[in-house]
Amino acid sequence: MGWYRQAPGKERELVAGITSFGITN
């Protein structure tokens, strides 16, 4: 599961993610 964001004129980017194992990035 993750959060992404997209600003005007920008590519959608990964902000933060978390796996089923609890690993975050």
PDB file of all heavy atoms in Angstrom:
ATOM      1  N   MET A   1       0.855  -1.170   0.000  1.00  0.00           N
ATOM      2  CA  MET A   1       0.000   0.000   0.000  1.00  0.00           C
ATOM      3  C   MET A   1       0.896   1.227   0.000  1.00  0.00           C
ATOM      4  O   MET A   1       1.925   1.240   0.678  1.00  0.00           O
ATOM      5  CB  MET A   1      -0.929   0.036   1.212  1.00  0.00           C
ATOM      6  CG  MET A   1      -1.825  -1.186   1.335  1.00  0.00           C
ATOM      7  SD  MET A   1      -3.033  -1.048   2.687  1.00  0.00           S
ATOM      8  CE  MET A   1      -4.186   0.149   1.970  1.00  0.00           C
ATOM      9  N   GLY A   2       0.495   2.212  -0.745  1.00  0.00           N
ATOM     10  CA  GLY A   2       1.327   3.388  -0.835  1.00  0.00           C
ATOM     11  C   GLY A   2       0.550   4.659  -1.069  1.00  0.00           C
ATOM     12  O   GLY A   2      -0.619   4.633  -1.475  1.00  0.00           O
ATOM     13  N   TRP A   3       1.208   5.751  -0.784  1.00  0.00           N
ATOM     14  CA  TRP A   3       0.707   7.085  -1.092  1.00  0.00           C
ATOM     15  C   TRP A   3       1.552   7.671  -2.219  1.00  0.00           C
ATOM     16  O   TRP A   3       2.787   7.632  -2.169  1.00  0.00           O
ATOM     17  CB  TRP A   3       0.774   8.009   0.117  1.00  0.00           C
ATOM     18  CG  TRP A   3      -0.255   7.713   1.156  1.00  0.00           C
ATOM     19  CD1 TRP A   3      -0.101   6.978   2.288  1.00  0.00           C
ATOM     20  CD2 TRP A   3      -1.616   8.171   1.152  1.00  0.00           C
ATOM     21  NE1 TRP A   3      -1.269   6.941   2.999  1.00  0.00           N
ATOM     22  CE2 TRP A   3      -2.222   7.666   2.327  1.00  0.00           C
ATOM     23  CE3 TRP A   3      -2.380   8.953   0.282  1.00  0.00           C
ATOM     24  CZ2 TRP A   3      -3.563   7.920   2.642  1.00  0.00           C
ATOM     25  CZ3 TRP A   3      -3.710   9.199   0.596  1.00  0.00           C
ATOM     26  CH2 TRP A   3      -4.272   8.684   1.764  1.00  0.00           C
ATOM     27  N   TYR A   4       0.876   8.188  -3.211  1.00  0.00           N
ATOM     28  CA  TYR A   4       1.503   8.859  -4.329  1.00  0.00           C
ATOM     29  C   TYR A   4       0.963  10.277  -4.404  1.00  0.00           C
ATOM     30  O   TYR A   4      -0.094  10.585  -3.870  1.00  0.00           O
ATOM     31  CB  TYR A   4       1.200   8.137  -5.640  1.00  0.00           C
ATOM     32  CG  TYR A   4       1.783   6.744  -5.743  1.00  0.00           C
ATOM     33  CD1 TYR A   4       1.254   5.685  -5.013  1.00  0.00           C
ATOM     34  CD2 TYR A   4       2.860   6.486  -6.590  1.00  0.00           C
ATOM     35  CE1 TYR A   4       1.775   4.409  -5.107  1.00  0.00           C
ATOM     36  CE2 TYR A   4       3.391   5.202  -6.694  1.00  0.00           C
ATOM     37  CZ  TYR A   4       2.844   4.177  -5.956  1.00  0.00           C
ATOM     38  OH  TYR A   4       3.368   2.906  -6.058  1.00  0.00           O
ATOM     39  N   ARG A   5       1.687  11.134  -5.087  1.00  0.00           N
ATOM     40  CA  ARG A   5       1.187  12.478  -5.301  1.00  0.00           C
ATOM     41  C   ARG A   5       1.528  12.948  -6.703  1.00  0.00           C
ATOM     42  O   ARG A   5       2.498  12.489  -7.309  1.00  0.00           O
ATOM     43  CB  ARG A   5       1.739  13.455  -4.263  1.00  0.00           C
ATOM     44  CG  ARG A   5       3.235  13.733  -4.364  1.00  0.00           C
ATOM     45  CD  ARG A   5       3.686  14.599  -3.196  1.00  0.00           C
ATOM     46  NE  ARG A   5       5.112  14.907  -3.263  1.00  0.00           N
ATOM     47  CZ  ARG A   5       5.797  15.495  -2.293  1.00  0.00           C
ATOM     48  NH1 ARG A   5       5.184  15.842  -1.162  1.00  0.00           N
ATOM     49  NH2 ARG A   5       7.095  15.740  -2.442  1.00  0.00           N
ATOM     50  N   GLN A   6       0.709  13.856  -7.183  1.00  0.00           N
ATOM     51  CA  GLN A   6       0.930  14.425  -8.496  1.00  0.00           C
ATOM     52  C   GLN A   6       0.635  15.921  -8.443  1.00  0.00           C
ATOM     53  O   GLN A   6      -0.494  16.324  -8.161  1.00  0.00           O
ATOM     54  CB  GLN A   6       0.056  13.752  -9.554  1.00  0.00           C
ATOM     55  CG  GLN A   6       0.371  14.185 -10.967  1.00  0.00           C
ATOM     56  CD  GLN A   6      -0.250  13.273 -12.004  1.00  0.00           C
ATOM     57  OE1 GLN A   6      -1.202  12.553 -11.724  1.00  0.00           O
ATOM     58  NE2 GLN A   6       0.301  13.284 -13.206  1.00  0.00           N
ATOM     59  N   ALA A   7       1.661  16.699  -8.693  1.00  0.00           N
ATOM     60  CA  ALA A   7       1.527  18.141  -8.774  1.00  0.00           C
ATOM     61  C   ALA A   7       1.276  18.533 -10.225  1.00  0.00           C
ATOM     62  O   ALA A   7       1.623  17.790 -11.149  1.00  0.00           O
ATOM     63  CB  ALA A   7       2.779  18.823  -8.240  1.00  0.00           C
ATOM     64  N   PRO A   8       0.681  19.702 -10.454  1.00  0.00           N
ATOM     65  CA  PRO A   8       0.432  20.142 -11.832  1.00  0.00           C
ATOM     66  C   PRO A   8       1.700  20.124 -12.675  1.00  0.00           C
ATOM     67  O   PRO A   8       2.736  20.651 -12.261  1.00  0.00           O
ATOM     68  CB  PRO A   8      -0.100  21.558 -11.655  1.00  0.00           C
ATOM     69  CG  PRO A   8      -0.727  21.554 -10.300  1.00  0.00           C
ATOM     70  CD  PRO A   8       0.154  20.665  -9.475  1.00  0.00           C
ATOM     71  N   GLY A   9       1.615  19.505 -13.841  1.00  0.00           N
ATOM     72  CA  GLY A   9       2.735  19.442 -14.748  1.00  0.00           C
ATOM     73  C   GLY A   9       3.821  18.455 -14.366  1.00  0.00           C
ATOM     74  O   GLY A   9       4.851  18.394 -15.044  1.00  0.00           O
ATOM     75  N   LYS A  10       3.604  17.695 -13.308  1.00  0.00           N
ATOM     76  CA  LYS A  10       4.610  16.757 -12.829  1.00  0.00           C
ATOM     77  C   LYS A  10       4.120  15.320 -12.956  1.00  0.00           C
ATOM     78  O   LYS A  10       2.923  15.056 -13.045  1.00  0.00           O
ATOM     79  CB  LYS A  10       4.961  17.043 -11.364  1.00  0.00           C
ATOM     80  CG  LYS A  10       5.440  18.452 -11.088  1.00  0.00           C
ATOM     81  CD  LYS A  10       6.783  18.734 -11.736  1.00  0.00           C
ATOM     82  CE  LYS A  10       7.295  20.111 -11.337  1.00  0.00           C
ATOM     83  NZ  LYS A  10       8.615  20.399 -11.959  1.00  0.00           N
ATOM     84  N   GLU A  11       5.072  14.405 -12.967  1.00  0.00           N
ATOM     85  CA  GLU A  11       4.741  12.993 -12.965  1.00  0.00           C
ATOM     86  C   GLU A  11       4.251  12.579 -11.585  1.00  0.00           C
ATOM     87  O   GLU A  11       4.655  13.136 -10.564  1.00  0.00           O
ATOM     88  CB  GLU A  11       5.967  12.154 -13.342  1.00  0.00           C
ATOM     89  CG  GLU A  11       6.515  12.406 -14.732  1.00  0.00           C
ATOM     90  CD  GLU A  11       5.682  11.764 -15.816  1.00  0.00           C
ATOM     91  OE1 GLU A  11       4.826  10.901 -15.495  1.00  0.00           O
ATOM     92  OE2 GLU A  11       5.869  12.112 -16.985  1.00  0.00           O
ATOM     93  N   ARG A  12       3.375  11.594 -11.570  1.00  0.00           N
ATOM     94  CA  ARG A  12       2.959  11.034 -10.303  1.00  0.00           C
ATOM     95  C   ARG A  12       4.147  10.309  -9.663  1.00  0.00           C
ATOM     96  O   ARG A  12       4.849   9.542 -10.330  1.00  0.00           O
ATOM     97  CB  ARG A  12       1.789  10.071 -10.500  1.00  0.00           C
ATOM     98  CG  ARG A  12       1.173   9.579  -9.209  1.00  0.00           C
ATOM     99  CD  ARG A  12      -0.103   8.778  -9.455  1.00  0.00           C
ATOM    100  NE  ARG A  12      -1.132   9.584 -10.095  1.00  0.00           N
ATOM    101  CZ  ARG A  12      -2.381   9.167 -10.321  1.00  0.00           C
ATOM    102  NH1 ARG A  12      -2.741   7.947  -9.950  1.00  0.00           N
ATOM    103  NH2 ARG A  12      -3.244   9.965 -10.914  1.00  0.00           N
ATOM    104  N   GLU A  13       4.359  10.562  -8.386  1.00  0.00           N
ATOM    105  CA  GLU A  13       5.505   9.997  -7.708  1.00  0.00           C
ATOM    106  C   GLU A  13       5.097   9.294  -6.424  1.00  0.00           C
ATOM    107  O   GLU A  13       4.133   9.682  -5.762  1.00  0.00           O
ATOM    108  CB  GLU A  13       6.547  11.082  -7.389  1.00  0.00           C
ATOM    109  CG  GLU A  13       6.053  12.144  -6.422  1.00  0.00           C
ATOM    110  CD  GLU A  13       7.132  13.127  -6.001  1.00  0.00           C
ATOM    111  OE1 GLU A  13       8.328  12.830  -6.193  1.00  0.00           O
ATOM    112  OE2 GLU A  13       6.775  14.204  -5.470  1.00  0.00           O
ATOM    113  N   LEU A  14       5.858   8.287  -6.085  1.00  0.00           N
ATOM    114  CA  LEU A  14       5.655   7.591  -4.825  1.00  0.00           C
ATOM    115  C   LEU A  14       6.155   8.452  -3.680  1.00  0.00           C
ATOM    116  O   LEU A  14       7.298   8.908  -3.683  1.00  0.00           O
ATOM    117  CB  LEU A  14       6.396   6.256  -4.831  1.00  0.00           C
ATOM    118  CG  LEU A  14       6.361   5.463  -3.525  1.00  0.00           C
ATOM    119  CD1 LEU A  14       4.951   4.990  -3.208  1.00  0.00           C
ATOM    120  CD2 LEU A  14       7.312   4.271  -3.591  1.00  0.00           C
ATOM    121  N   VAL A  15       5.302   8.669  -2.709  1.00  0.00           N
ATOM    122  CA  VAL A  15       5.654   9.426  -1.519  1.00  0.00           C
ATOM    123  C   VAL A  15       6.096   8.499  -0.399  1.00  0.00           C
ATOM    124  O   VAL A  15       7.130   8.711   0.240  1.00  0.00           O
ATOM    125  CB  VAL A  15       4.475  10.295  -1.048  1.00  0.00           C
ATOM    126  CG1 VAL A  15       4.813  11.018   0.253  1.00  0.00           C
ATOM    127  CG2 VAL A  15       4.096  11.297  -2.133  1.00  0.00           C
ATOM    128  N   ALA A  16       5.303   7.480  -0.149  1.00  0.00           N
ATOM    129  CA  ALA A  16       5.589   6.540   0.924  1.00  0.00           C
ATOM    130  C   ALA A  16       4.880   5.233   0.640  1.00  0.00           C
ATOM    131  O   ALA A  16       3.781   5.222   0.088  1.00  0.00           O
ATOM    132  CB  ALA A  16       5.150   7.093   2.281  1.00  0.00           C
ATOM    133  N   GLY A  17       5.508   4.145   1.025  1.00  0.00           N
ATOM    134  CA  GLY A  17       4.915   2.839   0.843  1.00  0.00           C
ATOM    135  C   GLY A  17       5.126   1.966   2.056  1.00  0.00           C
ATOM    136  O   GLY A  17       6.053   2.184   2.837  1.00  0.00           O
ATOM    137  N   ILE A  18       4.257   0.980   2.195  1.00  0.00           N
ATOM    138  CA  ILE A  18       4.375   0.025   3.286  1.00  0.00           C
ATOM    139  C   ILE A  18       3.951  -1.341   2.769  1.00  0.00           C
ATOM    140  O   ILE A  18       2.957  -1.468   2.057  1.00  0.00           O
ATOM    141  CB  ILE A  18       3.546   0.462   4.518  1.00  0.00           C
ATOM    142  CG1 ILE A  18       3.782  -0.481   5.698  1.00  0.00           C
ATOM    143  CG2 ILE A  18       2.062   0.577   4.177  1.00  0.00           C
ATOM    144  CD1 ILE A  18       3.246   0.071   7.016  1.00  0.00           C
ATOM    145  N   THR A  19       4.725  -2.348   3.099  1.00  0.00           N
ATOM    146  CA  THR A  19       4.433  -3.697   2.652  1.00  0.00           C
ATOM    147  C   THR A  19       3.677  -4.462   3.723  1.00  0.00           C
ATOM    148  O   THR A  19       3.524  -4.014   4.858  1.00  0.00           O
ATOM    149  CB  THR A  19       5.718  -4.455   2.306  1.00  0.00           C
ATOM    150  OG1 THR A  19       6.418  -4.786   3.516  1.00  0.00           O
ATOM    151  CG2 THR A  19       6.621  -3.629   1.403  1.00  0.00           C
ATOM    152  N   SER A  20       3.220  -5.645   3.349  1.00  0.00           N
ATOM    153  CA  SER A  20       2.538  -6.505   4.311  1.00  0.00           C
ATOM    154  C   SER A  20       3.461  -6.956   5.424  1.00  0.00           C
ATOM    155  O   SER A  20       2.989  -7.402   6.474  1.00  0.00           O
ATOM    156  CB  SER A  20       1.935  -7.721   3.607  1.00  0.00           C
ATOM    157  OG  SER A  20       2.937  -8.488   2.968  1.00  0.00           O
ATOM    158  N   PHE A  21       4.762  -6.850   5.193  1.00  0.00           N
ATOM    159  CA  PHE A  21       5.736  -7.176   6.224  1.00  0.00           C
ATOM    160  C   PHE A  21       6.011  -6.001   7.160  1.00  0.00           C
ATOM    161  O   PHE A  21       6.767  -6.154   8.124  1.00  0.00           O
ATOM    162  CB  PHE A  21       7.054  -7.627   5.583  1.00  0.00           C
ATOM    163  CG  PHE A  21       6.927  -8.851   4.741  1.00  0.00           C
ATOM    164  CD1 PHE A  21       6.871  -8.757   3.357  1.00  0.00           C
ATOM    165  CD2 PHE A  21       6.866 -10.103   5.321  1.00  0.00           C
ATOM    166  CE1 PHE A  21       6.751  -9.887   2.568  1.00  0.00           C
ATOM    167  CE2 PHE A  21       6.750 -11.243   4.542  1.00  0.00           C
ATOM    168  CZ  PHE A  21       6.694 -11.134   3.168  1.00  0.00           C
ATOM    169  N   GLY A  22       5.423  -4.850   6.875  1.00  0.00           N
ATOM    170  CA  GLY A  22       5.639  -3.680   7.702  1.00  0.00           C
ATOM    171  C   GLY A  22       6.836  -2.850   7.300  1.00  0.00           C
ATOM    172  O   GLY A  22       7.196  -1.909   8.023  1.00  0.00           O
ATOM    173  N   ILE A  23       7.452  -3.168   6.183  1.00  0.00           N
ATOM    174  CA  ILE A  23       8.590  -2.403   5.702  1.00  0.00           C
ATOM    175  C   ILE A  23       8.096  -1.131   5.029  1.00  0.00           C
ATOM    176  O   ILE A  23       7.210  -1.178   4.179  1.00  0.00           O
ATOM    177  CB  ILE A  23       9.438  -3.218   4.722  1.00  0.00           C
ATOM    178  CG1 ILE A  23       9.876  -4.540   5.366  1.00  0.00           C
ATOM    179  CG2 ILE A  23      10.642  -2.412   4.246  1.00  0.00           C
ATOM    180  CD1 ILE A  23      10.724  -4.376   6.595  1.00  0.00           C
ATOM    181  N   THR A  24       8.675  -0.014   5.410  1.00  0.00           N
ATOM    182  CA  THR A  24       8.277   1.270   4.858  1.00  0.00           C
ATOM    183  C   THR A  24       9.393   1.872   4.028  1.00  0.00           C
ATOM    184  O   THR A  24      10.577   1.591   4.241  1.00  0.00           O
ATOM    185  CB  THR A  24       7.886   2.261   5.957  1.00  0.00           C
ATOM    186  OG1 THR A  24       8.993   2.444   6.851  1.00  0.00           O
ATOM    187  CG2 THR A  24       6.691   1.743   6.750  1.00  0.00           C
ATOM    188  N   ASN A  25       9.005   2.694   3.083  1.00  0.00           N
ATOM    189  CA  ASN A  25       9.967   3.471   2.326  1.00  0.00           C
ATOM    190  C   ASN A  25       9.357   4.829   2.011  1.00  0.00           C
ATOM    191  O   ASN A  25       8.137   4.966   1.901  1.00  0.00           O
ATOM    192  CB  ASN A  25      10.402   2.746   1.049  1.00  0.00           C
ATOM    193  CG  ASN A  25       9.269   2.551   0.061  1.00  0.00           C
ATOM    194  OD1 ASN A  25       8.341   1.776   0.294  1.00  0.00           O
ATOM    195  ND2 ASN A  25       9.344   3.256  -1.070  1.00  0.00           N
TER     196      ASN A  25
END
